Protein backbone atom coordinates (compact mmCIF):
# COMPACT_ATOMS: atom_id res chain seq x y z
CA MET A 1 60.55 91.50 107.36
CA GLU A 2 63.38 93.79 106.31
CA LEU A 3 66.80 92.81 107.54
CA ALA A 4 68.63 95.71 109.30
CA PRO A 5 72.35 94.88 109.40
CA SER A 6 74.24 96.12 112.41
CA PRO A 7 77.79 97.38 111.81
CA GLN A 8 79.01 93.89 112.73
CA ASN A 9 76.65 92.35 110.30
CA ILE A 10 77.99 94.61 107.60
CA ARG A 11 81.54 93.39 108.39
CA GLN A 12 80.23 89.88 107.90
CA ILE A 13 78.52 90.86 104.59
CA LEU A 14 81.79 92.33 103.32
CA ALA A 15 84.11 89.44 104.50
CA SER A 16 81.83 86.77 103.08
CA ASP A 17 81.73 88.13 99.55
CA THR A 18 77.91 88.69 99.70
CA PRO A 19 76.65 90.12 96.43
CA ILE A 20 75.39 93.76 96.46
CA ILE A 21 73.02 95.08 93.69
CA ASP A 22 74.05 98.69 93.73
CA VAL A 23 71.32 100.92 92.27
CA ARG A 24 73.21 104.16 92.32
CA ALA A 25 74.13 106.02 89.17
CA PRO A 26 77.26 104.86 87.28
CA ILE A 27 79.14 108.10 88.18
CA GLU A 28 78.58 107.32 91.90
CA PHE A 29 79.62 103.72 91.42
CA GLN A 30 82.92 104.76 89.77
CA GLN A 31 83.73 107.10 92.61
CA GLY A 32 83.49 104.28 95.12
CA ALA A 33 82.21 100.70 95.17
CA ILE A 34 82.33 97.47 97.12
CA PRO A 35 84.24 94.47 95.52
CA THR A 36 81.24 92.28 95.16
CA ALA A 37 78.86 95.05 93.94
CA ILE A 38 77.24 94.98 90.50
CA ASN A 39 75.92 98.32 89.24
CA ILE A 40 72.31 98.08 87.92
CA PRO A 41 71.20 101.71 88.33
CA LEU A 42 67.76 102.96 89.07
CA MET A 43 68.67 106.15 87.13
CA ASN A 44 71.52 106.74 84.75
CA ASP A 45 73.86 109.73 85.17
CA GLU A 46 71.73 112.07 83.05
CA GLU A 47 68.45 111.11 84.71
CA ARG A 48 70.03 111.54 88.17
CA ALA A 49 71.37 114.99 87.27
CA ALA A 50 67.92 116.11 85.98
CA VAL A 51 66.23 114.92 89.18
CA GLY A 52 68.87 116.64 91.28
CA THR A 53 68.30 119.90 89.46
CA CYS A 54 64.63 119.61 89.85
CA TYR A 55 65.01 118.93 93.56
CA LYS A 56 67.07 122.13 94.08
CA GLN A 57 64.63 124.26 92.04
CA HIS A 58 61.18 122.78 92.89
CA GLY A 59 61.66 120.54 95.91
CA SER A 60 61.30 116.91 96.75
CA HIS A 61 57.73 116.19 95.54
CA LYS A 62 58.41 117.47 92.02
CA ALA A 63 61.77 115.64 91.93
CA VAL A 64 60.12 112.32 92.74
CA GLU A 65 57.44 112.97 90.09
CA LEU A 66 60.19 113.63 87.51
CA GLY A 67 62.05 110.46 88.54
CA HIS A 68 58.97 108.35 87.95
CA GLN A 69 58.37 110.04 84.58
CA LEU A 70 61.92 109.38 83.47
CA VAL A 71 61.97 105.67 84.62
CA SER A 72 58.71 104.42 83.26
CA GLY A 73 57.38 102.28 80.46
CA GLU A 74 59.93 100.30 78.55
CA ILE A 75 62.87 101.83 80.47
CA LYS A 76 61.37 100.71 83.80
CA ALA A 77 60.47 97.29 82.48
CA GLY A 78 64.06 96.77 81.21
CA ARG A 79 65.57 97.77 84.56
CA ILE A 80 63.22 95.58 86.54
CA ALA A 81 64.12 92.65 84.27
CA ALA A 82 67.84 93.34 85.01
CA TRP A 83 67.24 93.40 88.84
CA LEU A 84 65.10 90.28 88.64
CA ALA A 85 67.88 88.44 86.74
CA ALA A 86 70.47 89.54 89.28
CA CYS A 87 68.23 88.46 92.19
CA GLN A 88 67.88 85.10 90.66
CA GLN A 89 71.66 84.84 90.01
CA PHE A 90 72.47 86.10 93.53
CA PRO A 91 69.58 84.95 95.89
CA ASN A 92 71.55 85.88 99.06
CA GLY A 93 72.41 89.45 98.15
CA PHE A 94 71.32 93.00 99.25
CA ILE A 95 70.16 96.13 97.38
CA CYS A 96 72.21 99.21 98.05
CA CYS A 97 71.87 102.87 97.15
CA ALA A 98 73.73 105.93 98.50
CA ARG A 99 72.27 106.08 101.99
CA GLY A 100 69.63 103.31 102.06
CA GLY A 101 66.89 105.78 101.19
CA MET A 102 64.43 106.29 98.50
CA ARG A 103 66.23 104.63 95.60
CA SER A 104 66.80 101.34 97.25
CA HIS A 105 63.28 101.33 98.74
CA ILE A 106 61.78 101.96 95.25
CA VAL A 107 63.77 99.11 93.77
CA GLN A 108 62.83 96.87 96.70
CA ALA A 109 59.11 97.73 96.22
CA TRP A 110 59.17 97.11 92.45
CA LEU A 111 60.85 93.76 92.93
CA LYS A 112 58.15 92.92 95.60
CA ASP A 113 55.48 93.68 93.00
CA ASN A 114 57.20 91.07 90.85
CA GLY A 115 57.21 88.41 93.51
CA ILE A 116 60.65 88.84 94.97
CA ASP A 117 61.46 89.85 98.57
CA TYR A 118 64.98 91.17 98.55
CA PRO A 119 66.69 92.91 101.54
CA LEU A 120 68.56 96.23 101.39
CA ILE A 121 71.61 97.58 103.18
CA ASN A 122 70.35 99.99 105.87
CA GLY A 123 72.51 103.12 105.54
CA GLY A 124 73.37 102.11 101.95
CA TYR A 125 76.86 102.58 100.44
CA LYS A 126 77.59 105.22 103.05
CA ALA A 127 77.35 102.59 105.83
CA LEU A 128 79.40 100.12 103.83
CA ARG A 129 82.13 102.73 103.23
CA GLN A 130 82.25 103.85 106.85
CA THR A 131 82.66 100.09 107.80
CA THR A 132 85.64 99.71 105.43
CA ILE A 133 87.23 102.88 106.77
CA ASP A 134 86.83 101.75 110.36
CA ALA A 135 88.15 98.23 109.49
CA ILE A 136 91.38 99.67 107.91
CA ASN A 137 91.99 101.98 110.93
CA GLU A 138 91.44 99.13 113.34
CA LEU A 139 93.26 96.35 111.50
CA SER A 140 96.22 98.35 110.31
CA ILE A 141 97.66 98.73 113.74
CA ARG A 142 98.62 94.98 113.89
CA THR A 143 102.21 93.79 114.01
CA THR A 144 103.56 94.24 110.39
CA ILE A 145 106.57 92.81 108.61
CA LEU A 146 107.77 94.41 105.31
CA ILE A 147 109.37 92.50 102.50
CA GLY A 148 112.14 94.63 100.97
CA GLY A 149 114.73 94.16 98.27
CA CYS A 150 115.66 95.50 94.82
CA THR A 151 113.34 95.01 91.94
CA GLY A 152 113.17 91.53 90.56
CA ASN A 153 113.61 89.80 93.93
CA GLY A 154 110.08 88.42 93.91
CA LYS A 155 108.73 90.51 96.79
CA THR A 156 105.18 90.70 95.49
CA THR A 157 105.04 86.86 94.82
CA LEU A 158 106.34 86.14 98.29
CA VAL A 159 103.76 88.43 99.91
CA HIS A 160 100.98 87.11 97.73
CA ASN A 161 101.78 83.56 98.72
CA GLN A 162 101.79 84.26 102.48
CA PRO A 163 98.48 83.35 104.32
CA ASP A 164 98.88 86.61 106.32
CA GLY A 165 100.15 88.60 103.27
CA ILE A 166 98.26 91.53 101.81
CA ASP A 167 99.22 92.08 98.19
CA LEU A 168 98.89 95.82 97.91
CA GLU A 169 100.13 95.91 94.33
CA GLY A 170 97.65 93.30 93.33
CA ILE A 171 94.79 95.19 94.90
CA ALA A 172 96.03 98.41 93.25
CA HIS A 173 96.43 96.81 89.81
CA HIS A 174 99.90 98.40 89.61
CA ARG A 175 103.36 97.18 90.33
CA GLY A 176 104.61 100.37 91.86
CA SER A 177 107.38 101.47 89.36
CA SER A 178 107.40 103.60 86.26
CA PHE A 179 106.76 100.33 84.36
CA GLY A 180 104.20 99.32 86.94
CA ARG A 181 100.94 99.69 85.13
CA THR A 182 98.95 96.61 84.15
CA LEU A 183 96.09 95.97 81.64
CA GLN A 184 93.60 96.37 84.45
CA ALA A 185 92.64 99.99 85.09
CA GLN A 186 93.33 101.21 88.66
CA PHE A 187 90.34 101.77 90.93
CA SER A 188 89.26 105.10 92.34
CA GLN A 189 90.90 105.78 95.75
CA ALA A 190 87.75 104.84 97.70
CA THR A 191 87.28 101.55 95.74
CA PHE A 192 90.97 100.73 96.27
CA GLU A 193 90.50 101.15 100.03
CA ASN A 194 87.27 99.12 100.04
CA HIS A 195 89.11 96.24 98.38
CA LEU A 196 91.90 96.53 100.90
CA ALA A 197 89.51 96.51 103.83
CA VAL A 198 87.73 93.37 102.58
CA GLU A 199 91.02 91.54 102.14
CA MET A 200 91.93 92.53 105.70
CA LEU A 201 88.47 91.56 107.01
CA LYS A 202 88.72 88.11 105.42
CA LYS A 203 92.23 87.35 106.73
CA SER A 204 92.04 89.01 110.17
CA PRO A 205 90.22 86.16 112.10
CA ASN A 206 92.93 83.67 111.46
CA HIS A 207 96.04 85.83 111.66
CA THR A 208 97.55 88.30 114.09
CA ARG A 209 100.11 90.01 111.82
CA TRP A 210 100.45 91.38 108.31
CA VAL A 211 103.15 90.71 105.81
CA LEU A 212 103.33 93.51 103.22
CA GLU A 213 105.70 94.70 100.47
CA ASP A 214 107.94 97.66 101.30
CA GLU A 215 106.01 100.33 99.36
CA GLY A 216 106.17 104.05 98.96
CA ARG A 217 103.25 106.34 99.87
CA ALA A 218 101.41 105.49 96.75
CA ILE A 219 101.09 102.60 94.30
CA GLY A 220 100.38 104.22 90.89
CA ALA A 221 97.38 106.48 91.41
CA ASN A 222 96.29 104.86 94.69
CA SER A 223 97.53 106.27 98.02
CA LEU A 224 98.03 104.01 100.97
CA PRO A 225 95.63 104.88 103.93
CA ILE A 226 97.41 107.11 106.43
CA ILE A 227 97.20 104.70 109.44
CA LEU A 228 98.52 101.81 107.39
CA ARG A 229 101.39 103.90 106.02
CA GLU A 230 102.31 105.11 109.59
CA GLN A 231 102.39 101.45 110.70
CA MET A 232 104.56 100.54 107.69
CA GLU A 233 106.99 103.37 108.52
CA LYS A 234 107.95 101.69 111.84
CA ALA A 235 107.59 98.06 110.86
CA THR A 236 110.48 95.59 110.72
CA ILE A 237 111.88 94.55 107.34
CA ALA A 238 113.03 91.36 105.87
CA VAL A 239 115.18 91.85 102.75
CA ILE A 240 115.33 89.48 99.78
CA ASP A 241 118.72 89.48 98.09
CA ASP A 242 118.76 87.09 95.16
CA PRO A 243 121.54 86.80 92.47
CA PHE A 244 121.28 89.39 89.71
CA GLU A 245 120.73 86.70 87.03
CA LEU A 246 117.76 85.28 88.80
CA ARG A 247 116.29 88.80 89.22
CA LEU A 248 116.71 89.44 85.46
CA GLU A 249 114.84 86.14 84.66
CA ARG A 250 111.93 87.21 86.85
CA LEU A 251 111.82 90.66 85.24
CA LYS A 252 112.03 89.10 81.81
CA HIS A 253 109.03 86.90 82.52
CA GLU A 254 106.92 89.53 84.18
CA TYR A 255 107.61 92.79 82.12
CA PHE A 256 108.43 91.32 78.66
CA ASP A 257 107.04 87.77 78.22
CA ARG A 258 103.84 88.18 80.21
CA MET A 259 103.10 91.89 79.13
CA THR A 260 103.56 90.88 75.41
CA HIS A 261 101.13 88.03 75.90
CA ASP A 262 98.65 90.17 77.83
CA PHE A 263 98.53 93.05 75.30
CA ILE A 264 98.27 90.74 72.29
CA ASP A 265 95.67 88.65 74.00
CA ALA A 266 93.61 91.73 74.94
CA TYR A 267 93.96 93.74 71.57
CA GLY A 268 95.14 91.31 68.90
CA GLU A 269 98.51 90.99 67.28
CA GLU A 270 99.01 94.39 65.59
CA ILE A 271 97.42 96.81 68.15
CA GLY A 272 98.57 94.67 71.08
CA TRP A 273 102.22 94.98 69.91
CA GLN A 274 101.79 98.71 69.48
CA TYR A 275 100.38 99.06 73.04
CA TYR A 276 103.25 96.86 74.41
CA SER A 277 105.80 99.03 72.68
CA GLU A 278 104.19 102.19 74.00
CA TYR A 279 104.07 100.73 77.51
CA LEU A 280 107.76 100.13 77.58
CA HIS A 281 108.58 103.54 76.04
CA HIS A 282 106.32 105.28 78.49
CA GLY A 283 108.04 103.57 81.50
CA LEU A 284 111.45 104.82 80.33
CA PHE A 285 110.13 108.36 79.41
CA ALA A 286 108.67 108.71 82.97
CA ILE A 287 112.12 108.56 84.55
CA ARG A 288 113.93 110.66 81.92
CA LYS A 289 114.74 113.53 84.29
CA ARG A 290 116.46 111.13 86.75
CA LEU A 291 118.35 109.46 83.84
CA GLY A 292 119.33 112.66 82.03
CA SER A 293 118.48 113.35 78.31
CA GLN A 294 121.62 111.67 76.86
CA ARG A 295 121.20 108.43 78.84
CA THR A 296 117.51 108.30 78.03
CA THR A 297 118.28 108.63 74.32
CA GLU A 298 120.79 105.83 74.55
CA LEU A 299 118.55 103.46 76.50
CA THR A 300 115.55 104.24 74.20
CA HIS A 301 117.73 103.35 71.20
CA LEU A 302 118.70 100.02 72.88
CA LEU A 303 114.91 99.46 73.68
CA ASP A 304 113.97 100.06 70.06
CA THR A 305 116.62 97.54 68.88
CA ALA A 306 115.40 95.00 71.42
CA LEU A 307 111.83 95.40 70.32
CA LYS A 308 112.79 94.88 66.66
CA HIS A 309 114.69 91.72 67.69
CA GLN A 310 111.76 90.50 69.72
CA GLN A 311 109.30 91.08 66.87
CA ILE A 312 111.38 89.09 64.47
CA THR A 313 112.46 86.19 66.74
CA GLY A 314 109.90 86.29 69.62
CA GLU A 315 112.83 86.24 72.06
CA THR A 316 112.81 88.83 74.90
CA GLN A 317 116.35 88.44 76.42
CA SER A 318 117.61 91.21 74.07
CA HIS A 319 115.85 93.64 76.45
CA PHE A 320 118.71 93.01 78.97
CA SER A 321 120.72 95.42 76.84
CA TRP A 322 118.83 98.37 78.32
CA LEU A 323 117.33 96.67 81.44
CA CYS A 324 120.71 95.88 83.03
CA PRO A 325 122.08 99.48 82.89
CA LEU A 326 118.68 100.72 84.07
CA LEU A 327 118.90 98.51 87.13
CA ASN A 328 122.58 99.11 87.78
CA GLU A 329 122.45 102.89 87.26
CA TYR A 330 118.95 103.83 88.52
CA TYR A 331 116.73 101.33 90.31
CA ASP A 332 119.30 99.42 92.45
CA PRO A 333 121.08 102.58 93.74
CA MET A 334 117.79 104.31 94.42
CA TYR A 335 116.37 101.35 96.38
CA ARG A 336 119.58 100.69 98.30
CA TYR A 337 119.75 104.33 99.32
CA GLN A 338 116.08 104.09 100.52
CA LEU A 339 116.92 100.84 102.46
CA SER A 340 119.99 102.46 104.01
CA GLN A 341 117.66 104.95 105.68
CA LYS A 342 115.79 102.03 107.30
CA GLN A 343 118.82 100.02 108.31
CA ALA A 344 117.91 99.83 112.00
CA ARG A 345 114.56 98.12 111.08
CA ILE A 346 116.03 95.32 108.95
CA ILE A 347 115.85 92.04 111.05
CA PHE A 348 116.57 89.47 108.43
CA GLN A 349 118.23 89.31 104.97
CA GLY A 350 118.69 86.30 102.62
CA THR A 351 117.59 84.70 99.33
CA TYR A 352 113.93 84.45 98.40
CA GLY A 353 113.90 80.92 99.92
CA GLU A 354 115.62 81.87 103.13
CA VAL A 355 113.23 84.77 103.68
CA GLU A 356 110.23 82.55 103.00
CA GLN A 357 111.59 80.01 105.43
CA TRP A 358 112.26 82.63 108.05
CA LEU A 359 108.72 84.09 107.67
CA ASN A 360 107.15 80.67 108.07
CA GLN A 361 109.03 79.91 111.38
């Protein structure tokens, strides 16, 4: 008997990290996917495009015929083997296509021919996506506290460690500044929202508020959903204000020590170092208009000198030569101005430890 999930069941599927075998074409999967989905397509992008063209020109019957011709023989056997392996690895999962129509039913039938009964998501990805949109719209209107403060104050870490915290930058794979990109590629907008919704669904039964970092409208390429952004624009703010030296140490660890390690770990010594150097140069270049051409040239020279010193000694503190003026002349004044526009909403200010203690009360 085929399981037909109600909207509430779909929420449970999403919140419980239930595996989804997504049989849509790779291009559809890239445009939007659920966090636990693995993409094992019935048709690849080229096959799907050919079937789509055939459907428009000759109708449904001919399109189905072409689909069966394209996915036959060894190709069909290989795909069935991949689905069977996934079913064995994830016995409690679901099959999903775009709307719960022909593709997921075909895969379900072929699996049944091979001795496996596997349920599908009624309504497919469209139903899953609508559930995540509804969840964000519903759960975003809860009481929200924003964590503010200049860069290097540990805002992201504090939010991440809170049981009712939603780490928006972690979900976006971006730290929000011109130096914010990480080695993980950012998701499409829909996939980012799906991940956000699942995080909210998981935490919502045990908490009545959200703790979020004070963000702009977008984190890298991902925009915050409108309802969440509107809630954040009226939320109260707790500001972390740690000593400058402590902020420098945090930034040294995160942007120099860790990024050096991550790039070299991912790409090897030579290419990893090249990518790390390009990453820092790109971050500075991205704000050149705000800094002015002369200051950008001066800071780039200091950056190059610091990189040479790091490459010889392995020591990253030399980057303070350009980081300190960048904080003092650009990032700190910009954030303090933004915070001054929200002064009426600030309800607490203190060190990292004091803000953490205040939150937990």
